[in-house]
């Protein structure tokens, strides 16, 4: 039996700057849980994915961001170096 495609990859932005990448099975619930993080909006950046695919895509997006920003991950993904 195949996994459900019920997870989405999202990014938090502060203006034009990406400050966080994450995954959620309920993005509408997840957004207010980021209390304390400074961001202006949340963008869903994937179609429905399996949890394992979403985790892989999250890792890939953080790695791409680090590559483009001298090895530094997004502001709130500091503990996720790949």
C-alpha atoms as a PDB file:
ATOM      1  CA  UNK A   1       0.000   0.000   0.000  1.00  0.00           C
ATOM      2  CA  UNK A   2       1.402   3.407  -0.899  1.00  0.00           C
ATOM      3  CA  UNK A   3       1.879   6.312   1.495  1.00  0.00           C
ATOM      4  CA  UNK A   4      -0.677   9.115   1.572  1.00  0.00           C
ATOM      5  CA  UNK A   5       0.282  12.345  -0.140  1.00  0.00           C
ATOM      6  CA  UNK A   6      -0.931  14.561   2.662  1.00  0.00           C
ATOM      7  CA  UNK A   7       2.145  16.690   3.489  1.00  0.00           C
ATOM      8  CA  UNK A   8       3.171  20.002   1.985  1.00  0.00           C
ATOM      9  CA  UNK A   9       6.443  21.876   1.869  1.00  0.00           C
ATOM     10  CA  UNK A  10       6.171  25.530   2.827  1.00  0.00           C
ATOM     11  CA  UNK A  11       8.360  28.562   3.290  1.00  0.00           C
ATOM     12  CA  UNK A  12       8.034  31.490   5.647  1.00  0.00           C
ATOM     13  CA  UNK A  13       9.076  34.849   4.251  1.00  0.00           C
ATOM     14  CA  UNK A  14       9.785  38.177   5.829  1.00  0.00           C
ATOM     15  CA  UNK A  15       9.129  40.457   2.891  1.00  0.00           C
ATOM     16  CA  UNK A  16      11.159  38.966   0.041  1.00  0.00           C
ATOM     17  CA  UNK A  17      13.535  37.033   2.318  1.00  0.00           C
ATOM     18  CA  UNK A  18      13.032  33.346   3.048  1.00  0.00           C
ATOM     19  CA  UNK A  19      13.414  32.790   6.793  1.00  0.00           C
ATOM     20  CA  UNK A  20      12.245  29.156   7.166  1.00  0.00           C
ATOM     21  CA  UNK A  21      11.443  25.969   5.253  1.00  0.00           C
ATOM     22  CA  UNK A  22       9.180  23.373   6.797  1.00  0.00           C
ATOM     23  CA  UNK A  23       6.673  20.622   6.129  1.00  0.00           C
ATOM     24  CA  UNK A  24       3.185  20.108   7.484  1.00  0.00           C
ATOM     25  CA  UNK A  25       0.165  17.886   6.972  1.00  0.00           C
ATOM     26  CA  UNK A  26      -2.015  20.853   7.997  1.00  0.00           C
ATOM     27  CA  UNK A  27      -0.423  24.151   6.906  1.00  0.00           C
ATOM     28  CA  UNK A  28      -3.401  26.221   8.124  1.00  0.00           C
ATOM     29  CA  UNK A  29      -2.912  24.853  11.628  1.00  0.00           C
ATOM     30  CA  UNK A  30       0.885  25.081  11.437  1.00  0.00           C
ATOM     31  CA  UNK A  31       1.198  28.753  10.483  1.00  0.00           C
ATOM     32  CA  UNK A  32       0.071  30.200  13.858  1.00  0.00           C
ATOM     33  CA  UNK A  33       2.318  27.699  15.667  1.00  0.00           C
ATOM     34  CA  UNK A  34       5.317  29.728  14.476  1.00  0.00           C
ATOM     35  CA  UNK A  35       4.683  32.207  17.266  1.00  0.00           C
ATOM     36  CA  UNK A  36       7.854  34.167  18.008  1.00  0.00           C
ATOM     37  CA  UNK A  37       9.238  33.925  14.484  1.00  0.00           C
ATOM     38  CA  UNK A  38       9.197  37.156  12.527  1.00  0.00           C
ATOM     39  CA  UNK A  39       7.632  36.565   9.109  1.00  0.00           C
ATOM     40  CA  UNK A  40       5.146  38.330   6.869  1.00  0.00           C
ATOM     41  CA  UNK A  41       3.608  35.375   5.050  1.00  0.00           C
ATOM     42  CA  UNK A  42       3.629  31.648   4.415  1.00  0.00           C
ATOM     43  CA  UNK A  43       3.793  30.102   0.924  1.00  0.00           C
ATOM     44  CA  UNK A  44       2.949  26.486   0.141  1.00  0.00           C
ATOM     45  CA  UNK A  45       5.632  25.523  -2.390  1.00  0.00           C
ATOM     46  CA  UNK A  46       4.697  21.929  -3.251  1.00  0.00           C
ATOM     47  CA  UNK A  47       1.807  19.738  -4.226  1.00  0.00           C
ATOM     48  CA  UNK A  48       0.693  17.035  -1.776  1.00  0.00           C
ATOM     49  CA  UNK A  49       3.671  14.805  -0.968  1.00  0.00           C
ATOM     50  CA  UNK A  50       4.352  11.724   1.089  1.00  0.00           C
ATOM     51  CA  UNK A  51       6.066  12.510   4.398  1.00  0.00           C
ATOM     52  CA  UNK A  52       9.363  11.033   3.202  1.00  0.00           C
ATOM     53  CA  UNK A  53       9.235  13.016  -0.052  1.00  0.00           C
ATOM     54  CA  UNK A  54       8.397  16.199   1.866  1.00  0.00           C
ATOM     55  CA  UNK A  55      11.370  15.673   4.196  1.00  0.00           C
ATOM     56  CA  UNK A  56      13.663  15.132   1.205  1.00  0.00           C
ATOM     57  CA  UNK A  57      12.365  18.241  -0.552  1.00  0.00           C
ATOM     58  CA  UNK A  58      12.775  20.285   2.649  1.00  0.00           C
ATOM     59  CA  UNK A  59      16.400  19.135   2.898  1.00  0.00           C
ATOM     60  CA  UNK A  60      16.992  19.962  -0.774  1.00  0.00           C
ATOM     61  CA  UNK A  61      15.525  23.473  -0.409  1.00  0.00           C
ATOM     62  CA  UNK A  62      17.635  24.197   2.685  1.00  0.00           C
ATOM     63  CA  UNK A  63      20.749  22.907   0.890  1.00  0.00           C
ATOM     64  CA  UNK A  64      19.993  25.068  -2.154  1.00  0.00           C
ATOM     65  CA  UNK A  65      19.485  28.102   0.082  1.00  0.00           C
ATOM     66  CA  UNK A  66      22.794  27.404   1.857  1.00  0.00           C
ATOM     67  CA  UNK A  67      24.595  27.059  -1.460  1.00  0.00           C
ATOM     68  CA  UNK A  68      23.244  30.420  -2.594  1.00  0.00           C
ATOM     69  CA  UNK A  69      24.003  32.156   0.732  1.00  0.00           C
ATOM     70  CA  UNK A  70      27.569  31.132   1.541  1.00  0.00           C
ATOM     71  CA  UNK A  71      26.689  28.045   3.579  1.00  0.00           C
ATOM     72  CA  UNK A  72      24.227  29.804   5.890  1.00  0.00           C
ATOM     73  CA  UNK A  73      20.735  28.238   6.197  1.00  0.00           C
ATOM     74  CA  UNK A  74      17.531  30.293   6.494  1.00  0.00           C
ATOM     75  CA  UNK A  75      17.247  32.291   9.722  1.00  0.00           C
ATOM     76  CA  UNK A  76      14.989  29.826  11.555  1.00  0.00           C
ATOM     77  CA  UNK A  77      16.516  26.641  10.102  1.00  0.00           C
ATOM     78  CA  UNK A  78      19.855  27.267  11.850  1.00  0.00           C
ATOM     79  CA  UNK A  79      19.866  23.806  13.442  1.00  0.00           C
ATOM     80  CA  UNK A  80      19.422  22.110  10.054  1.00  0.00           C
ATOM     81  CA  UNK A  81      22.816  22.117   8.360  1.00  0.00           C
ATOM     82  CA  UNK A  82      23.075  19.617   5.511  1.00  0.00           C
END
